[in-house]
N, C-alpha and C. Protein backbone atom coordinates (compact mmCIF):
# COMPACT_ATOMS: atom_id res chain seq x y z
N UNK A 1 0.82 -1.19 0.00
CA UNK A 1 0.00 0.00 0.00
C UNK A 1 0.87 1.25 0.00
N UNK A 2 1.95 1.23 0.79
CA UNK A 2 2.82 2.40 0.86
C UNK A 2 3.45 2.71 -0.48
N UNK A 3 3.85 1.69 -1.23
CA UNK A 3 4.48 1.92 -2.54
C UNK A 3 3.52 2.63 -3.48
N UNK A 4 2.26 2.19 -3.49
CA UNK A 4 1.29 2.81 -4.38
C UNK A 4 1.07 4.26 -3.99
N UNK A 5 1.02 4.54 -2.69
CA UNK A 5 0.83 5.91 -2.24
C UNK A 5 2.05 6.76 -2.58
N UNK A 6 3.25 6.20 -2.42
CA UNK A 6 4.46 6.96 -2.74
C UNK A 6 4.54 7.26 -4.22
N UNK A 7 4.00 6.38 -5.07
CA UNK A 7 4.00 6.63 -6.50
C UNK A 7 3.10 7.81 -6.83
N UNK A 8 2.02 7.96 -6.11
CA UNK A 8 1.11 9.09 -6.35
C UNK A 8 1.70 10.39 -5.85
N UNK A 9 2.41 10.36 -4.75
CA UNK A 9 2.91 11.57 -4.13
C UNK A 9 4.33 11.94 -4.55
N UNK A 10 5.09 11.00 -5.07
CA UNK A 10 6.49 11.23 -5.38
C UNK A 10 6.70 12.25 -6.48
N UNK A 11 7.88 12.84 -6.47
CA UNK A 11 8.22 13.85 -7.47
C UNK A 11 9.33 13.35 -8.40
N UNK A 12 9.56 12.05 -8.39
CA UNK A 12 10.65 11.51 -9.21
C UNK A 12 10.13 10.65 -10.35
N UNK A 13 8.92 10.82 -10.78
CA UNK A 13 8.40 10.09 -11.92
C UNK A 13 8.05 8.65 -11.63
N UNK A 14 7.65 8.35 -10.41
CA UNK A 14 7.23 6.99 -10.02
C UNK A 14 8.32 5.97 -10.28
N UNK A 15 9.54 6.31 -9.92
CA UNK A 15 10.66 5.40 -10.17
C UNK A 15 10.64 4.18 -9.25
N UNK A 16 9.83 4.19 -8.20
CA UNK A 16 9.75 3.04 -7.29
C UNK A 16 8.90 1.91 -7.86
N UNK A 17 8.19 2.15 -8.95
CA UNK A 17 7.31 1.15 -9.56
C UNK A 17 8.08 0.39 -10.63
N UNK A 18 8.06 -0.92 -10.54
CA UNK A 18 8.75 -1.78 -11.50
C UNK A 18 7.73 -2.38 -12.47
N UNK A 19 7.89 -2.07 -13.76
CA UNK A 19 6.98 -2.61 -14.77
C UNK A 19 6.99 -4.14 -14.81
N UNK A 20 8.16 -4.79 -14.80
CA UNK A 20 8.13 -6.26 -14.86
C UNK A 20 7.36 -6.89 -13.70
N UNK A 21 7.49 -6.33 -12.51
CA UNK A 21 6.77 -6.87 -11.35
C UNK A 21 5.27 -6.72 -11.53
N UNK A 22 4.83 -5.54 -11.93
CA UNK A 22 3.39 -5.31 -12.10
C UNK A 22 2.83 -6.09 -13.28
N UNK A 23 3.62 -6.28 -14.34
CA UNK A 23 3.18 -7.11 -15.45
C UNK A 23 3.06 -8.57 -15.03
N UNK A 24 3.98 -9.03 -14.18
CA UNK A 24 3.90 -10.39 -13.66
C UNK A 24 2.63 -10.57 -12.83
N UNK A 25 2.33 -9.62 -11.96
CA UNK A 25 1.11 -9.70 -11.15
C UNK A 25 -0.14 -9.65 -12.03
N UNK A 26 -0.09 -8.81 -13.06
CA UNK A 26 -1.23 -8.73 -13.98
C UNK A 26 -1.45 -10.07 -14.67
N UNK A 27 -0.38 -10.66 -15.16
CA UNK A 27 -0.48 -11.96 -15.83
C UNK A 27 -0.96 -13.05 -14.89
N UNK A 28 -0.45 -13.05 -13.66
CA UNK A 28 -0.87 -14.07 -12.70
C UNK A 28 -2.35 -13.95 -12.38
N UNK A 29 -2.83 -12.75 -12.17
CA UNK A 29 -4.25 -12.56 -11.86
C UNK A 29 -5.14 -12.87 -13.06
N UNK A 30 -4.70 -12.48 -14.25
CA UNK A 30 -5.50 -12.77 -15.44
C UNK A 30 -5.54 -14.28 -15.70
N UNK A 31 -4.42 -14.95 -15.51
CA UNK A 31 -4.38 -16.40 -15.69
C UNK A 31 -5.26 -17.10 -14.68
N UNK A 32 -5.22 -16.64 -13.44
CA UNK A 32 -6.08 -17.21 -12.41
C UNK A 32 -7.55 -17.04 -12.78
N UNK A 33 -7.89 -15.85 -13.28
CA UNK A 33 -9.27 -15.59 -13.68
C UNK A 33 -9.71 -16.53 -14.79
N UNK A 34 -8.86 -16.69 -15.79
CA UNK A 34 -9.23 -17.57 -16.90
C UNK A 34 -9.32 -19.03 -16.47
N UNK A 35 -8.38 -19.47 -15.63
CA UNK A 35 -8.38 -20.86 -15.17
C UNK A 35 -9.61 -21.17 -14.32
N UNK A 36 -9.92 -20.28 -13.39
CA UNK A 36 -11.06 -20.54 -12.52
C UNK A 36 -12.39 -20.48 -13.28
N UNK A 37 -12.44 -19.63 -14.30
CA UNK A 37 -13.68 -19.52 -15.08
C UNK A 37 -13.89 -20.76 -15.96
N UNK A 38 -12.82 -21.27 -16.55
CA UNK A 38 -12.98 -22.37 -17.50
C UNK A 38 -12.90 -23.75 -16.85
N UNK A 39 -11.97 -23.94 -15.93
CA UNK A 39 -11.75 -25.28 -15.36
C UNK A 39 -12.48 -25.53 -14.06
N UNK A 40 -12.59 -24.52 -13.23
CA UNK A 40 -13.22 -24.70 -11.92
C UNK A 40 -14.66 -24.22 -11.88
N UNK A 41 -15.07 -23.48 -12.87
CA UNK A 41 -16.41 -22.88 -12.91
C UNK A 41 -16.72 -22.06 -11.66
N UNK A 42 -15.70 -21.41 -11.15
CA UNK A 42 -15.85 -20.55 -9.97
C UNK A 42 -15.96 -19.10 -10.45
N UNK A 43 -17.16 -18.65 -10.61
CA UNK A 43 -17.40 -17.32 -11.16
C UNK A 43 -16.90 -16.22 -10.23
N UNK A 44 -17.10 -16.40 -8.94
CA UNK A 44 -16.69 -15.38 -7.98
C UNK A 44 -15.18 -15.17 -7.99
N UNK A 45 -14.40 -16.24 -7.93
CA UNK A 45 -12.94 -16.11 -7.95
C UNK A 45 -12.47 -15.56 -9.30
N UNK A 46 -13.10 -15.95 -10.37
CA UNK A 46 -12.75 -15.40 -11.69
C UNK A 46 -13.00 -13.90 -11.74
N UNK A 47 -14.13 -13.48 -11.17
CA UNK A 47 -14.46 -12.06 -11.14
C UNK A 47 -13.45 -11.27 -10.31
N UNK A 48 -13.15 -11.76 -9.13
CA UNK A 48 -12.22 -11.07 -8.23
C UNK A 48 -10.82 -11.01 -8.85
N UNK A 49 -10.38 -12.10 -9.44
CA UNK A 49 -9.06 -12.11 -10.08
C UNK A 49 -9.01 -11.16 -11.27
N UNK A 50 -10.11 -11.04 -11.98
CA UNK A 50 -10.18 -10.08 -13.09
C UNK A 50 -10.06 -8.65 -12.58
N UNK A 51 -10.72 -8.37 -11.48
CA UNK A 51 -10.63 -7.04 -10.88
C UNK A 51 -9.20 -6.76 -10.44
N UNK A 52 -8.53 -7.74 -9.84
CA UNK A 52 -7.13 -7.57 -9.45
C UNK A 52 -6.25 -7.28 -10.66
N UNK A 53 -6.47 -8.01 -11.75
CA UNK A 53 -5.69 -7.79 -12.97
C UNK A 53 -5.95 -6.38 -13.52
N UNK A 54 -7.20 -5.95 -13.47
CA UNK A 54 -7.55 -4.62 -13.93
C UNK A 54 -6.86 -3.55 -13.08
N UNK A 55 -6.85 -3.75 -11.78
CA UNK A 55 -6.18 -2.80 -10.89
C UNK A 55 -4.68 -2.73 -11.17
N UNK A 56 -4.07 -3.86 -11.46
CA UNK A 56 -2.65 -3.87 -11.82
C UNK A 56 -2.41 -3.08 -13.10
N UNK A 57 -3.30 -3.21 -14.06
CA UNK A 57 -3.17 -2.45 -15.30
C UNK A 57 -3.34 -0.96 -15.06
N UNK A 58 -4.20 -0.60 -14.11
CA UNK A 58 -4.38 0.81 -13.76
C UNK A 58 -3.09 1.37 -13.15
N UNK A 59 -2.45 0.58 -12.29
CA UNK A 59 -1.18 1.02 -11.70
C UNK A 59 -0.13 1.23 -12.79
N UNK A 60 -0.07 0.32 -13.75
CA UNK A 60 0.89 0.46 -14.84
C UNK A 60 0.59 1.72 -15.66
N UNK A 61 -0.67 1.97 -15.95
CA UNK A 61 -1.05 3.16 -16.73
C UNK A 61 -0.75 4.44 -15.96
N UNK A 62 -1.06 4.47 -14.67
CA UNK A 62 -0.77 5.66 -13.87
C UNK A 62 0.72 5.91 -13.76
N UNK A 63 1.49 4.83 -13.66
CA UNK A 63 2.94 4.97 -13.60
C UNK A 63 3.47 5.56 -14.89
N UNK A 64 2.99 5.07 -16.01
CA UNK A 64 3.44 5.61 -17.30
C UNK A 64 3.05 7.08 -17.42
N UNK A 65 1.87 7.44 -16.97
CA UNK A 65 1.44 8.84 -16.99
C UNK A 65 2.35 9.70 -16.13
N UNK A 66 2.65 9.22 -14.91
CA UNK A 66 3.53 9.98 -14.01
C UNK A 66 4.91 10.17 -14.63
N UNK A 67 5.42 9.12 -15.27
CA UNK A 67 6.75 9.22 -15.88
C UNK A 67 6.73 10.17 -17.07
N UNK A 68 5.65 10.17 -17.82
CA UNK A 68 5.53 11.09 -18.95
C UNK A 68 5.51 12.53 -18.45
N UNK A 69 4.72 12.80 -17.43
CA UNK A 69 4.66 14.16 -16.86
C UNK A 69 6.02 14.55 -16.30
N UNK A 70 6.70 13.61 -15.65
CA UNK A 70 8.01 13.90 -15.08
C UNK A 70 9.02 14.24 -16.19
N UNK A 71 8.99 13.50 -17.30
CA UNK A 71 9.89 13.80 -18.42
C UNK A 71 9.59 15.18 -19.00
N UNK A 72 8.31 15.50 -19.11
CA UNK A 72 7.95 16.81 -19.67
C UNK A 72 8.37 17.95 -18.76
N UNK A 73 8.29 17.77 -17.45
CA UNK A 73 8.68 18.84 -16.54
C UNK A 73 10.19 19.05 -16.55
N UNK A 74 10.95 18.01 -16.83
CA UNK A 74 12.40 18.16 -16.91
C UNK A 74 12.81 18.92 -18.15
N UNK A 75 12.00 18.88 -19.21
CA UNK A 75 12.35 19.51 -20.48
C UNK A 75 11.79 20.92 -20.64
N UNK A 76 11.06 21.41 -19.64
CA UNK A 76 10.45 22.74 -19.74
C UNK A 76 11.43 23.78 -19.23
N UNK A 77 11.47 24.92 -19.89
CA UNK A 77 12.37 25.98 -19.45
C UNK A 77 11.93 26.53 -18.09
N UNK A 78 12.85 26.98 -17.25
CA UNK A 78 12.52 27.38 -15.88
C UNK A 78 11.71 28.66 -15.76
N UNK A 79 11.57 29.47 -16.81
CA UNK A 79 10.85 30.73 -16.67
C UNK A 79 9.34 30.59 -16.81
N UNK A 80 8.83 29.41 -17.14
CA UNK A 80 7.38 29.21 -17.22
C UNK A 80 6.81 28.98 -15.83
N UNK A 81 5.53 29.22 -15.71
CA UNK A 81 4.86 29.02 -14.42
C UNK A 81 4.68 27.55 -14.09
N UNK A 82 4.42 27.25 -12.82
CA UNK A 82 4.23 25.87 -12.37
C UNK A 82 3.03 25.22 -13.05
N UNK A 83 2.02 26.01 -13.35
CA UNK A 83 0.82 25.46 -13.96
C UNK A 83 1.11 24.85 -15.33
N UNK A 84 2.02 25.46 -16.09
CA UNK A 84 2.31 25.00 -17.44
C UNK A 84 3.36 23.89 -17.46
N UNK A 85 4.09 23.71 -16.40
CA UNK A 85 5.19 22.76 -16.40
C UNK A 85 4.75 21.32 -16.63
N UNK A 86 3.71 20.89 -15.96
CA UNK A 86 3.31 19.48 -16.04
C UNK A 86 2.89 19.09 -17.45
N UNK A 87 2.42 20.03 -18.22
CA UNK A 87 1.93 19.70 -19.55
C UNK A 87 2.80 20.27 -20.65
N UNK A 88 3.92 20.82 -20.29
CA UNK A 88 4.80 21.36 -21.30
C UNK A 88 4.20 22.57 -22.01
N UNK A 89 3.23 23.22 -21.38
CA UNK A 89 2.62 24.40 -21.95
C UNK A 89 1.53 24.10 -22.97
N UNK A 90 1.17 22.85 -23.17
CA UNK A 90 0.18 22.50 -24.18
C UNK A 90 -1.25 22.73 -23.71
N UNK A 91 -1.51 22.50 -22.44
CA UNK A 91 -2.86 22.67 -21.92
C UNK A 91 -2.87 23.87 -20.96
N UNK A 92 -3.69 24.82 -21.27
CA UNK A 92 -3.78 26.00 -20.41
C UNK A 92 -5.24 26.29 -20.13
N UNK A 93 -5.49 26.86 -18.96
CA UNK A 93 -6.87 27.23 -18.60
C UNK A 93 -7.29 28.42 -19.47
N UNK A 94 -8.53 28.40 -19.89
CA UNK A 94 -9.03 29.45 -20.78
C UNK A 94 -9.34 30.70 -20.02
């Protein structure tokens, strides 16, 4: 739980998140879901494992988003405002 929270709050581009680890967990949960649905006919476990796999994919997507924002903030010139830094000046309030 702490790792996920630190990824949300960190300012280093979510470097504490390992893609191979989260992809392994995603694959394990998806495989469990498929196995329980087809071989064991356990709908509840298949559903829960699918939700776990989905949550792992969300963590991977959020990590990629954080790293993208972090890369963009490193490439922005220092004279722009903080509001424009995260998006590289592409999105501005009207």
